[in-house]
mmCIF file of all heavy atoms, coordinates in Angstrom:
data_MODEL
# 
_entry.id   MODEL 
# 
loop_
_atom_site.group_PDB 
_atom_site.id 
_atom_site.type_symbol 
_atom_site.label_atom_id 
_atom_site.label_alt_id 
_atom_site.label_comp_id 
_atom_site.label_asym_id 
_atom_site.label_entity_id 
_atom_site.label_seq_id 
_atom_site.pdbx_PDB_ins_code 
_atom_site.Cartn_x 
_atom_site.Cartn_y 
_atom_site.Cartn_z 
_atom_site.occupancy 
_atom_site.B_iso_or_equiv 
_atom_site.pdbx_formal_charge 
_atom_site.auth_seq_id 
_atom_site.auth_comp_id 
_atom_site.auth_asym_id 
_atom_site.auth_atom_id 
_atom_site.pdbx_PDB_model_num 
ATOM 1   N N   . CYS A 1 1  ? 17.158 9.252   5.202   1.00 0.00 ? 1  CYS A N   1 
ATOM 2   C CA  . CYS A 1 1  ? 17.550 9.373   3.787   1.00 0.00 ? 1  CYS A CA  1 
ATOM 3   C C   . CYS A 1 1  ? 18.631 8.366   3.400   1.00 0.00 ? 1  CYS A C   1 
ATOM 4   O O   . CYS A 1 1  ? 19.495 8.643   2.557   1.00 0.00 ? 1  CYS A O   1 
ATOM 5   C CB  . CYS A 1 1  ? 18.023 10.794  3.487   1.00 0.00 ? 1  CYS A CB  1 
ATOM 6   S SG  . CYS A 1 1  ? 16.763 12.057  3.780   1.00 0.00 ? 1  CYS A SG  1 
ATOM 7   N N   . GLY A 1 2  ? 18.605 7.213   4.035   1.00 0.00 ? 2  GLY A N   1 
ATOM 8   C CA  . GLY A 1 2  ? 19.552 6.155   3.700   1.00 0.00 ? 2  GLY A CA  1 
ATOM 9   C C   . GLY A 1 2  ? 20.822 6.182   4.508   1.00 0.00 ? 2  GLY A C   1 
ATOM 10  O O   . GLY A 1 2  ? 21.675 5.294   4.354   1.00 0.00 ? 2  GLY A O   1 
ATOM 11  N N   . ALA A 1 3  ? 20.976 7.166   5.395   1.00 0.00 ? 3  ALA A N   1 
ATOM 12  C CA  . ALA A 1 3  ? 22.190 7.234   6.221   1.00 0.00 ? 3  ALA A CA  1 
ATOM 13  C C   . ALA A 1 3  ? 22.203 6.157   7.301   1.00 0.00 ? 3  ALA A C   1 
ATOM 14  O O   . ALA A 1 3  ? 23.261 5.794   7.811   1.00 0.00 ? 3  ALA A O   1 
ATOM 15  C CB  . ALA A 1 3  ? 22.309 8.612   6.861   1.00 0.00 ? 3  ALA A CB  1 
ATOM 16  N N   . VAL A 1 4  ? 21.022 5.644   7.643   1.00 0.00 ? 4  VAL A N   1 
ATOM 17  C CA  . VAL A 1 4  ? 20.889 4.614   8.676   1.00 0.00 ? 4  VAL A CA  1 
ATOM 18  C C   . VAL A 1 4  ? 20.307 3.365   8.033   1.00 0.00 ? 4  VAL A C   1 
ATOM 19  O O   . VAL A 1 4  ? 19.368 3.446   7.234   1.00 0.00 ? 4  VAL A O   1 
ATOM 20  C CB  . VAL A 1 4  ? 19.973 5.096   9.822   1.00 0.00 ? 4  VAL A CB  1 
ATOM 21  C CG1 . VAL A 1 4  ? 19.735 3.988   10.831  1.00 0.00 ? 4  VAL A CG1 1 
ATOM 22  C CG2 . VAL A 1 4  ? 20.577 6.326   10.503  1.00 0.00 ? 4  VAL A CG2 1 
ATOM 23  N N   . PHE A 1 5  ? 20.845 2.199   8.379   1.00 0.00 ? 5  PHE A N   1 
ATOM 24  C CA  . PHE A 1 5  ? 20.355 0.966   7.778   1.00 0.00 ? 5  PHE A CA  1 
ATOM 25  C C   . PHE A 1 5  ? 19.112 0.447   8.502   1.00 0.00 ? 5  PHE A C   1 
ATOM 26  O O   . PHE A 1 5  ? 18.950 0.624   9.700   1.00 0.00 ? 5  PHE A O   1 
ATOM 27  C CB  . PHE A 1 5  ? 21.436 -0.120  7.765   1.00 0.00 ? 5  PHE A CB  1 
ATOM 28  C CG  . PHE A 1 5  ? 22.088 -0.395  9.106   1.00 0.00 ? 5  PHE A CG  1 
ATOM 29  C CD1 . PHE A 1 5  ? 21.486 -1.235  10.045  1.00 0.00 ? 5  PHE A CD1 1 
ATOM 30  C CD2 . PHE A 1 5  ? 23.318 0.172   9.420   1.00 0.00 ? 5  PHE A CD2 1 
ATOM 31  C CE1 . PHE A 1 5  ? 22.086 -1.501  11.257  1.00 0.00 ? 5  PHE A CE1 1 
ATOM 32  C CE2 . PHE A 1 5  ? 23.935 -0.085  10.635  1.00 0.00 ? 5  PHE A CE2 1 
ATOM 33  C CZ  . PHE A 1 5  ? 23.315 -0.922  11.564  1.00 0.00 ? 5  PHE A CZ  1 
ATOM 34  N N   . ILE A 1 6  ? 18.227 -0.181  7.722   1.00 0.00 ? 6  ILE A N   1 
ATOM 35  C CA  . ILE A 1 6  ? 17.129 -0.924  8.314   1.00 0.00 ? 6  ILE A CA  1 
ATOM 36  C C   . ILE A 1 6  ? 17.657 -2.288  8.729   1.00 0.00 ? 6  ILE A C   1 
ATOM 37  O O   . ILE A 1 6  ? 18.752 -2.687  8.336   1.00 0.00 ? 6  ILE A O   1 
ATOM 38  C CB  . ILE A 1 6  ? 15.931 -1.049  7.354   1.00 0.00 ? 6  ILE A CB  1 
ATOM 39  C CG1 . ILE A 1 6  ? 16.307 -1.890  6.121   1.00 0.00 ? 6  ILE A CG1 1 
ATOM 40  C CG2 . ILE A 1 6  ? 15.416 0.310   6.946   1.00 0.00 ? 6  ILE A CG2 1 
ATOM 41  C CD1 . ILE A 1 6  ? 15.119 -2.279  5.264   1.00 0.00 ? 6  ILE A CD1 1 
ATOM 42  N N   . LYS A 1 7  ? 16.863 -3.032  9.513   1.00 0.00 ? 7  LYS A N   1 
ATOM 43  C CA  . LYS A 1 7  ? 17.343 -4.295  10.066  1.00 0.00 ? 7  LYS A CA  1 
ATOM 44  C C   . LYS A 1 7  ? 16.409 -5.439  9.706   1.00 0.00 ? 7  LYS A C   1 
ATOM 45  O O   . LYS A 1 7  ? 15.193 -5.287  9.667   1.00 0.00 ? 7  LYS A O   1 
ATOM 46  C CB  . LYS A 1 7  ? 17.454 -4.192  11.597  1.00 0.00 ? 7  LYS A CB  1 
ATOM 47  C CG  . LYS A 1 7  ? 18.447 -3.155  12.066  1.00 0.00 ? 7  LYS A CG  1 
ATOM 48  C CD  . LYS A 1 7  ? 18.401 -2.998  13.579  1.00 0.00 ? 7  LYS A CD  1 
ATOM 49  C CE  . LYS A 1 7  ? 19.321 -1.882  14.038  1.00 0.00 ? 7  LYS A CE  1 
ATOM 50  N NZ  . LYS A 1 7  ? 19.192 -1.621  15.488  1.00 0.00 ? 7  LYS A NZ  1 
ATOM 51  N N   . ARG A 1 8  ? 17.014 -6.590  9.480   1.00 0.00 ? 8  ARG A N   1 
ATOM 52  C CA  . ARG A 1 8  ? 16.283 -7.829  9.285   1.00 0.00 ? 8  ARG A CA  1 
ATOM 53  C C   . ARG A 1 8  ? 17.095 -8.958  9.899   1.00 0.00 ? 8  ARG A C   1 
ATOM 54  O O   . ARG A 1 8  ? 18.249 -8.774  10.297  1.00 0.00 ? 8  ARG A O   1 
ATOM 55  C CB  . ARG A 1 8  ? 16.070 -8.116  7.783   1.00 0.00 ? 8  ARG A CB  1 
ATOM 56  C CG  . ARG A 1 8  ? 15.138 -7.158  7.066   1.00 0.00 ? 8  ARG A CG  1 
ATOM 57  C CD  . ARG A 1 8  ? 13.711 -7.250  7.553   1.00 0.00 ? 8  ARG A CD  1 
ATOM 58  N NE  . ARG A 1 8  ? 12.784 -6.440  6.762   1.00 0.00 ? 8  ARG A NE  1 
ATOM 59  C CZ  . ARG A 1 8  ? 12.513 -5.164  6.995   1.00 0.00 ? 8  ARG A CZ  1 
ATOM 60  N NH1 . ARG A 1 8  ? 13.129 -4.536  7.983   1.00 0.00 ? 8  ARG A NH1 1 
ATOM 61  N NH2 . ARG A 1 8  ? 11.653 -4.499  6.246   1.00 0.00 ? 8  ARG A NH2 1 
ATOM 62  N N   . VAL A 1 9  ? 16.489 -10.148 9.979   1.00 0.00 ? 9  VAL A N   1 
ATOM 63  C CA  . VAL A 1 9  ? 17.236 -11.350 10.321  1.00 0.00 ? 9  VAL A CA  1 
ATOM 64  C C   . VAL A 1 9  ? 17.195 -12.281 9.120   1.00 0.00 ? 9  VAL A C   1 
ATOM 65  O O   . VAL A 1 9  ? 16.404 -12.086 8.188   1.00 0.00 ? 9  VAL A O   1 
ATOM 66  C CB  . VAL A 1 9  ? 16.674 -12.055 11.582  1.00 0.00 ? 9  VAL A CB  1 
ATOM 67  C CG1 . VAL A 1 9  ? 16.713 -11.132 12.781  1.00 0.00 ? 9  VAL A CG1 1 
ATOM 68  C CG2 . VAL A 1 9  ? 15.266 -12.589 11.345  1.00 0.00 ? 9  VAL A CG2 1 
ATOM 69  N N   . VAL A 1 10 ? 18.055 -13.282 9.137   1.00 0.00 ? 10 VAL A N   1 
ATOM 70  C CA  . VAL A 1 10 ? 18.180 -14.195 8.002   1.00 0.00 ? 10 VAL A CA  1 
ATOM 71  C C   . VAL A 1 10 ? 16.822 -14.787 7.627   1.00 0.00 ? 10 VAL A C   1 
ATOM 72  O O   . VAL A 1 10 ? 16.055 -15.225 8.487   1.00 0.00 ? 10 VAL A O   1 
ATOM 73  C CB  . VAL A 1 10 ? 19.194 -15.309 8.322   1.00 0.00 ? 10 VAL A CB  1 
ATOM 74  C CG1 . VAL A 1 10 ? 19.194 -16.369 7.226   1.00 0.00 ? 10 VAL A CG1 1 
ATOM 75  C CG2 . VAL A 1 10 ? 20.594 -14.722 8.483   1.00 0.00 ? 10 VAL A CG2 1 
ATOM 76  N N   . ASN A 1 11 ? 16.533 -14.774 6.345   1.00 0.00 ? 11 ASN A N   1 
ATOM 77  C CA  . ASN A 1 11 ? 15.321 -15.318 5.716   1.00 0.00 ? 11 ASN A CA  1 
ATOM 78  C C   . ASN A 1 11 ? 14.094 -14.427 5.861   1.00 0.00 ? 11 ASN A C   1 
ATOM 79  O O   . ASN A 1 11 ? 13.004 -14.818 5.435   1.00 0.00 ? 11 ASN A O   1 
ATOM 80  C CB  . ASN A 1 11 ? 14.997 -16.734 6.216   1.00 0.00 ? 11 ASN A CB  1 
ATOM 81  C CG  . ASN A 1 11 ? 16.033 -17.744 5.764   1.00 0.00 ? 11 ASN A CG  1 
ATOM 82  O OD1 . ASN A 1 11 ? 16.609 -17.611 4.685   1.00 0.00 ? 11 ASN A OD1 1 
ATOM 83  N ND2 . ASN A 1 11 ? 16.306 -18.744 6.588   1.00 0.00 ? 11 ASN A ND2 1 
ATOM 84  N N   . GLU A 1 12 ? 14.249 -13.245 6.409   1.00 0.00 ? 12 GLU A N   1 
ATOM 85  C CA  . GLU A 1 12 ? 13.119 -12.312 6.437   1.00 0.00 ? 12 GLU A CA  1 
ATOM 86  C C   . GLU A 1 12 ? 12.953 -11.646 5.073   1.00 0.00 ? 12 GLU A C   1 
ATOM 87  O O   . GLU A 1 12 ? 13.834 -11.672 4.216   1.00 0.00 ? 12 GLU A O   1 
ATOM 88  C CB  . GLU A 1 12 ? 13.312 -11.252 7.512   1.00 0.00 ? 12 GLU A CB  1 
ATOM 89  C CG  . GLU A 1 12 ? 12.862 -11.692 8.889   1.00 0.00 ? 12 GLU A CG  1 
ATOM 90  C CD  . GLU A 1 12 ? 12.772 -10.544 9.870   1.00 0.00 ? 12 GLU A CD  1 
ATOM 91  O OE1 . GLU A 1 12 ? 13.591 -9.611  9.794   1.00 0.00 ? 12 GLU A OE1 1 
ATOM 92  O OE2 . GLU A 1 12 ? 11.893 -10.598 10.743  1.00 0.00 ? 12 GLU A OE2 1 
ATOM 93  N N   . ILE A 1 13 ? 11.798 -11.016 4.916   1.00 0.00 ? 13 ILE A N   1 
ATOM 94  C CA  . ILE A 1 13 ? 11.435 -10.340 3.681   1.00 0.00 ? 13 ILE A CA  1 
ATOM 95  C C   . ILE A 1 13 ? 11.595 -8.830  3.857   1.00 0.00 ? 13 ILE A C   1 
ATOM 96  O O   . ILE A 1 13 ? 11.238 -8.278  4.893   1.00 0.00 ? 13 ILE A O   1 
ATOM 97  C CB  . ILE A 1 13 ? 9.982  -10.660 3.290   1.00 0.00 ? 13 ILE A CB  1 
ATOM 98  C CG1 . ILE A 1 13 ? 9.791  -12.176 3.106   1.00 0.00 ? 13 ILE A CG1 1 
ATOM 99  C CG2 . ILE A 1 13 ? 9.572  -9.892  2.031   1.00 0.00 ? 13 ILE A CG2 1 
ATOM 100 C CD1 . ILE A 1 13 ? 10.551 -12.767 1.951   1.00 0.00 ? 13 ILE A CD1 1 
ATOM 101 N N   . VAL A 1 14 ? 12.130 -8.182  2.832   1.00 0.00 ? 14 VAL A N   1 
ATOM 102 C CA  . VAL A 1 14 ? 12.129 -6.720  2.770   1.00 0.00 ? 14 VAL A CA  1 
ATOM 103 C C   . VAL A 1 14 ? 11.146 -6.315  1.678   1.00 0.00 ? 14 VAL A C   1 
ATOM 104 O O   . VAL A 1 14 ? 11.339 -6.655  0.505   1.00 0.00 ? 14 VAL A O   1 
ATOM 105 C CB  . VAL A 1 14 ? 13.523 -6.165  2.439   1.00 0.00 ? 14 VAL A CB  1 
ATOM 106 C CG1 . VAL A 1 14 ? 13.488 -4.634  2.375   1.00 0.00 ? 14 VAL A CG1 1 
ATOM 107 C CG2 . VAL A 1 14 ? 14.551 -6.630  3.464   1.00 0.00 ? 14 VAL A CG2 1 
ATOM 108 N N   . THR A 1 15 ? 10.081 -5.642  2.057   1.00 0.00 ? 15 THR A N   1 
ATOM 109 C CA  . THR A 1 15 ? 9.106  -5.150  1.092   1.00 0.00 ? 15 THR A CA  1 
ATOM 110 C C   . THR A 1 15 ? 9.358  -3.667  0.862   1.00 0.00 ? 15 THR A C   1 
ATOM 111 O O   . THR A 1 15 ? 9.370  -2.876  1.809   1.00 0.00 ? 15 THR A O   1 
ATOM 112 C CB  . THR A 1 15 ? 7.671  -5.368  1.591   1.00 0.00 ? 15 THR A CB  1 
ATOM 113 O OG1 . THR A 1 15 ? 7.441  -6.781  1.718   1.00 0.00 ? 15 THR A OG1 1 
ATOM 114 C CG2 . THR A 1 15 ? 6.654  -4.790  0.626   1.00 0.00 ? 15 THR A CG2 1 
ATOM 115 N N   . VAL A 1 16 ? 9.571  -3.307  -0.390  1.00 0.00 ? 16 VAL A N   1 
ATOM 116 C CA  . VAL A 1 16 ? 9.938  -1.938  -0.749  1.00 0.00 ? 16 VAL A CA  1 
ATOM 117 C C   . VAL A 1 16 ? 8.796  -1.310  -1.543  1.00 0.00 ? 16 VAL A C   1 
ATOM 118 O O   . VAL A 1 16 ? 8.244  -1.929  -2.456  1.00 0.00 ? 16 VAL A O   1 
ATOM 119 C CB  . VAL A 1 16 ? 11.236 -1.918  -1.581  1.00 0.00 ? 16 VAL A CB  1 
ATOM 120 C CG1 . VAL A 1 16 ? 11.637 -0.482  -1.918  1.00 0.00 ? 16 VAL A CG1 1 
ATOM 121 C CG2 . VAL A 1 16 ? 12.359 -2.627  -0.837  1.00 0.00 ? 16 VAL A CG2 1 
ATOM 122 N N   . THR A 1 17 ? 8.450  -0.090  -1.199  1.00 0.00 ? 17 THR A N   1 
ATOM 123 C CA  . THR A 1 17 ? 7.430  0.662   -1.929  1.00 0.00 ? 17 THR A CA  1 
ATOM 124 C C   . THR A 1 17 ? 8.014  2.006   -2.360  1.00 0.00 ? 17 THR A C   1 
ATOM 125 O O   . THR A 1 17 ? 8.963  2.511   -1.760  1.00 0.00 ? 17 THR A O   1 
ATOM 126 C CB  . THR A 1 17 ? 6.182  0.903   -1.066  1.00 0.00 ? 17 THR A CB  1 
ATOM 127 O OG1 . THR A 1 17 ? 6.547  1.674   0.094   1.00 0.00 ? 17 THR A OG1 1 
ATOM 128 C CG2 . THR A 1 17 ? 5.561  -0.415  -0.624  1.00 0.00 ? 17 THR A CG2 1 
ATOM 129 N N   . ALA A 1 18 ? 7.430  2.566   -3.403  1.00 0.00 ? 18 ALA A N   1 
ATOM 130 C CA  . ALA A 1 18 ? 7.874  3.875   -3.891  1.00 0.00 ? 18 ALA A CA  1 
ATOM 131 C C   . ALA A 1 18 ? 6.825  4.430   -4.837  1.00 0.00 ? 18 ALA A C   1 
ATOM 132 O O   . ALA A 1 18 ? 5.955  3.701   -5.338  1.00 0.00 ? 18 ALA A O   1 
ATOM 133 C CB  . ALA A 1 18 ? 9.219  3.764   -4.600  1.00 0.00 ? 18 ALA A CB  1 
ATOM 134 N N   . ASP A 1 19 ? 6.909  5.712   -5.090  1.00 0.00 ? 19 ASP A N   1 
ATOM 135 C CA  . ASP A 1 19 ? 6.133  6.344   -6.149  1.00 0.00 ? 19 ASP A CA  1 
ATOM 136 C C   . ASP A 1 19 ? 7.032  6.478   -7.372  1.00 0.00 ? 19 ASP A C   1 
ATOM 137 O O   . ASP A 1 19 ? 8.169  6.962   -7.267  1.00 0.00 ? 19 ASP A O   1 
ATOM 138 C CB  . ASP A 1 19 ? 5.642  7.724   -5.707  1.00 0.00 ? 19 ASP A CB  1 
ATOM 139 C CG  . ASP A 1 19 ? 4.675  7.646   -4.540  1.00 0.00 ? 19 ASP A CG  1 
ATOM 140 O OD1 . ASP A 1 19 ? 4.011  6.606   -4.390  1.00 0.00 ? 19 ASP A OD1 1 
ATOM 141 O OD2 . ASP A 1 19 ? 4.593  8.628   -3.775  1.00 0.00 ? 19 ASP A OD2 1 
ATOM 142 N N   . VAL A 1 20 ? 6.528  6.035   -8.527  1.00 0.00 ? 20 VAL A N   1 
ATOM 143 C CA  . VAL A 1 20 ? 7.298  6.099   -9.773  1.00 0.00 ? 20 VAL A CA  1 
ATOM 144 C C   . VAL A 1 20 ? 6.438  6.837   -10.799 1.00 0.00 ? 20 VAL A C   1 
ATOM 145 O O   . VAL A 1 20 ? 5.322  6.402   -11.113 1.00 0.00 ? 20 VAL A O   1 
ATOM 146 C CB  . VAL A 1 20 ? 7.683  4.695   -10.282 1.00 0.00 ? 20 VAL A CB  1 
ATOM 147 C CG1 . VAL A 1 20 ? 8.573  4.808   -11.511 1.00 0.00 ? 20 VAL A CG1 1 
ATOM 148 C CG2 . VAL A 1 20 ? 8.387  3.898   -9.185  1.00 0.00 ? 20 VAL A CG2 1 
ATOM 149 N N   . LEU A 1 21 ? 6.966  7.945   -11.325 1.00 0.00 ? 21 LEU A N   1 
ATOM 150 C CA  . LEU A 1 21 ? 6.171  8.840   -12.174 1.00 0.00 ? 21 LEU A CA  1 
ATOM 151 C C   . LEU A 1 21 ? 6.877  9.121   -13.485 1.00 0.00 ? 21 LEU A C   1 
ATOM 152 O O   . LEU A 1 21 ? 8.115  9.096   -13.567 1.00 0.00 ? 21 LEU A O   1 
ATOM 153 C CB  . LEU A 1 21 ? 5.944  10.179  -11.461 1.00 0.00 ? 21 LEU A CB  1 
ATOM 154 C CG  . LEU A 1 21 ? 5.452  10.161  -10.014 1.00 0.00 ? 21 LEU A CG  1 
ATOM 155 C CD1 . LEU A 1 21 ? 5.513  11.561  -9.431  1.00 0.00 ? 21 LEU A CD1 1 
ATOM 156 C CD2 . LEU A 1 21 ? 4.047  9.616   -9.935  1.00 0.00 ? 21 LEU A CD2 1 
ATOM 157 N N   . VAL A 1 22 ? 6.076  9.425   -14.504 1.00 0.00 ? 22 VAL A N   1 
ATOM 158 C CA  . VAL A 1 22 ? 6.610  9.894   -15.778 1.00 0.00 ? 22 VAL A CA  1 
ATOM 159 C C   . VAL A 1 22 ? 5.635  10.925  -16.338 1.00 0.00 ? 22 VAL A C   1 
ATOM 160 O O   . VAL A 1 22 ? 4.427  10.869  -16.069 1.00 0.00 ? 22 VAL A O   1 
ATOM 161 C CB  . VAL A 1 22 ? 6.808  8.737   -16.777 1.00 0.00 ? 22 VAL A CB  1 
ATOM 162 C CG1 . VAL A 1 22 ? 5.471  8.164   -17.232 1.00 0.00 ? 22 VAL A CG1 1 
ATOM 163 C CG2 . VAL A 1 22 ? 7.641  9.186   -17.975 1.00 0.00 ? 22 VAL A CG2 1 
ATOM 164 N N   . ASP A 1 23 ? 6.170  11.861  -17.085 1.00 0.00 ? 23 ASP A N   1 
ATOM 165 C CA  . ASP A 1 23 ? 5.303  12.837  -17.740 1.00 0.00 ? 23 ASP A CA  1 
ATOM 166 C C   . ASP A 1 23 ? 4.484  12.154  -18.831 1.00 0.00 ? 23 ASP A C   1 
ATOM 167 O O   . ASP A 1 23 ? 4.886  11.139  -19.397 1.00 0.00 ? 23 ASP A O   1 
ATOM 168 C CB  . ASP A 1 23 ? 6.144  13.955  -18.344 1.00 0.00 ? 23 ASP A CB  1 
ATOM 169 C CG  . ASP A 1 23 ? 7.180  13.419  -19.311 1.00 0.00 ? 23 ASP A CG  1 
ATOM 170 O OD1 . ASP A 1 23 ? 8.240  12.944  -18.842 1.00 0.00 ? 23 ASP A OD1 1 
ATOM 171 O OD2 . ASP A 1 23 ? 6.915  13.448  -20.524 1.00 0.00 ? 23 ASP A OD2 1 
ATOM 172 N N   . GLY A 1 24 ? 3.336  12.724  -19.130 1.00 0.00 ? 24 GLY A N   1 
ATOM 173 C CA  . GLY A 1 24 ? 2.507  12.193  -20.206 1.00 0.00 ? 24 GLY A CA  1 
ATOM 174 C C   . GLY A 1 24 ? 1.794  10.914  -19.823 1.00 0.00 ? 24 GLY A C   1 
ATOM 175 O O   . GLY A 1 24 ? 1.472  10.675  -18.662 1.00 0.00 ? 24 GLY A O   1 
ATOM 176 N N   . HIS A 1 25 ? 1.575  10.076  -20.837 1.00 0.00 ? 25 HIS A N   1 
ATOM 177 C CA  . HIS A 1 25 ? 0.771  8.866   -20.641 1.00 0.00 ? 25 HIS A CA  1 
ATOM 178 C C   . HIS A 1 25 ? 1.522  7.597   -20.995 1.00 0.00 ? 25 HIS A C   1 
ATOM 179 O O   . HIS A 1 25 ? 0.919  6.542   -21.203 1.00 0.00 ? 25 HIS A O   1 
ATOM 180 C CB  . HIS A 1 25 ? -0.511 8.958   -21.482 1.00 0.00 ? 25 HIS A CB  1 
ATOM 181 C CG  . HIS A 1 25 ? -1.312 10.198  -21.209 1.00 0.00 ? 25 HIS A CG  1 
ATOM 182 N ND1 . HIS A 1 25 ? -2.036 10.377  -20.058 1.00 0.00 ? 25 HIS A ND1 1 
ATOM 183 C CD2 . HIS A 1 25 ? -1.462 11.332  -21.944 1.00 0.00 ? 25 HIS A CD2 1 
ATOM 184 C CE1 . HIS A 1 25 ? -2.626 11.563  -20.084 1.00 0.00 ? 25 HIS A CE1 1 
ATOM 185 N NE2 . HIS A 1 25 ? -2.300 12.169  -21.225 1.00 0.00 ? 25 HIS A NE2 1 
ATOM 186 N N   . ASP A 1 26 ? 2.829  7.661   -21.069 1.00 0.00 ? 26 ASP A N   1 
ATOM 187 C CA  . ASP A 1 26 ? 3.610  6.490   -21.447 1.00 0.00 ? 26 ASP A CA  1 
ATOM 188 C C   . ASP A 1 26 ? 3.534  5.407   -20.366 1.00 0.00 ? 26 ASP A C   1 
ATOM 189 O O   . ASP A 1 26 ? 3.353  5.689   -19.177 1.00 0.00 ? 26 ASP A O   1 
ATOM 190 C CB  . ASP A 1 26 ? 5.074  6.865   -21.666 1.00 0.00 ? 26 ASP A CB  1 
ATOM 191 C CG  . ASP A 1 26 ? 5.276  7.643   -22.962 1.00 0.00 ? 26 ASP A CG  1 
ATOM 192 O OD1 . ASP A 1 26 ? 4.398  7.553   -23.835 1.00 0.00 ? 26 ASP A OD1 1 
ATOM 193 O OD2 . ASP A 1 26 ? 6.300  8.341   -23.071 1.00 0.00 ? 26 ASP A OD2 1 
ATOM 194 N N   . VAL A 1 27 ? 3.706  4.168   -20.829 1.00 0.00 ? 27 VAL A N   1 
ATOM 195 C CA  . VAL A 1 27 ? 3.758  3.028   -19.911 1.00 0.00 ? 27 VAL A CA  1 
ATOM 196 C C   . VAL A 1 27 ? 5.143  2.996   -19.273 1.00 0.00 ? 27 VAL A C   1 
ATOM 197 O O   . VAL A 1 27 ? 6.159  3.031   -19.976 1.00 0.00 ? 27 VAL A O   1 
ATOM 198 C CB  . VAL A 1 27 ? 3.482  1.709   -20.654 1.00 0.00 ? 27 VAL A CB  1 
ATOM 199 C CG1 . VAL A 1 27 ? 3.714  0.516   -19.728 1.00 0.00 ? 27 VAL A CG1 1 
ATOM 200 C CG2 . VAL A 1 27 ? 2.053  1.701   -21.194 1.00 0.00 ? 27 VAL A CG2 1 
ATOM 201 N N   . ILE A 1 28 ? 5.160  2.956   -17.956 1.00 0.00 ? 28 ILE A N   1 
ATOM 202 C CA  . ILE A 1 28 ? 6.443  2.865   -17.261 1.00 0.00 ? 28 ILE A CA  1 
ATOM 203 C C   . ILE A 1 28 ? 6.516  1.550   -16.499 1.00 0.00 ? 28 ILE A C   1 
ATOM 204 O O   . ILE A 1 28 ? 5.504  0.938   -16.160 1.00 0.00 ? 28 ILE A O   1 
ATOM 205 C CB  . ILE A 1 28 ? 6.666  4.048   -16.299 1.00 0.00 ? 28 ILE A CB  1 
ATOM 206 C CG1 . ILE A 1 28 ? 5.538  4.127   -15.246 1.00 0.00 ? 28 ILE A CG1 1 
ATOM 207 C CG2 . ILE A 1 28 ? 6.807  5.347   -17.052 1.00 0.00 ? 28 ILE A CG2 1 
ATOM 208 C CD1 . ILE A 1 28 ? 5.802  5.179   -14.185 1.00 0.00 ? 28 ILE A CD1 1 
ATOM 209 N N   . GLN A 1 29 ? 7.746  1.135   -16.242 1.00 0.00 ? 29 GLN A N   1 
ATOM 210 C CA  . GLN A 1 29 ? 8.009  -0.065  -15.465 1.00 0.00 ? 29 GLN A CA  1 
ATOM 211 C C   . GLN A 1 29 ? 9.062  0.275   -14.416 1.00 0.00 ? 29 GLN A C   1 
ATOM 212 O O   . GLN A 1 29 ? 9.827  1.242   -14.553 1.00 0.00 ? 29 GLN A O   1 
ATOM 213 C CB  . GLN A 1 29 ? 8.521  -1.187  -16.360 1.00 0.00 ? 29 GLN A CB  1 
ATOM 214 C CG  . GLN A 1 29 ? 7.505  -1.680  -17.380 1.00 0.00 ? 29 GLN A CG  1 
ATOM 215 C CD  . GLN A 1 29 ? 6.399  -2.490  -16.739 1.00 0.00 ? 29 GLN A CD  1 
ATOM 216 O OE1 . GLN A 1 29 ? 6.619  -3.605  -16.279 1.00 0.00 ? 29 GLN A OE1 1 
ATOM 217 N NE2 . GLN A 1 29 ? 5.202  -1.921  -16.678 1.00 0.00 ? 29 GLN A NE2 1 
# 
């Protein structure tokens, strides 16, 4: 839950994914 850090080396990529929701049918970003 964020208490421990992930690791990378210089110039690596961090790809982040998540679920993003809203009620109804509105366009979200």
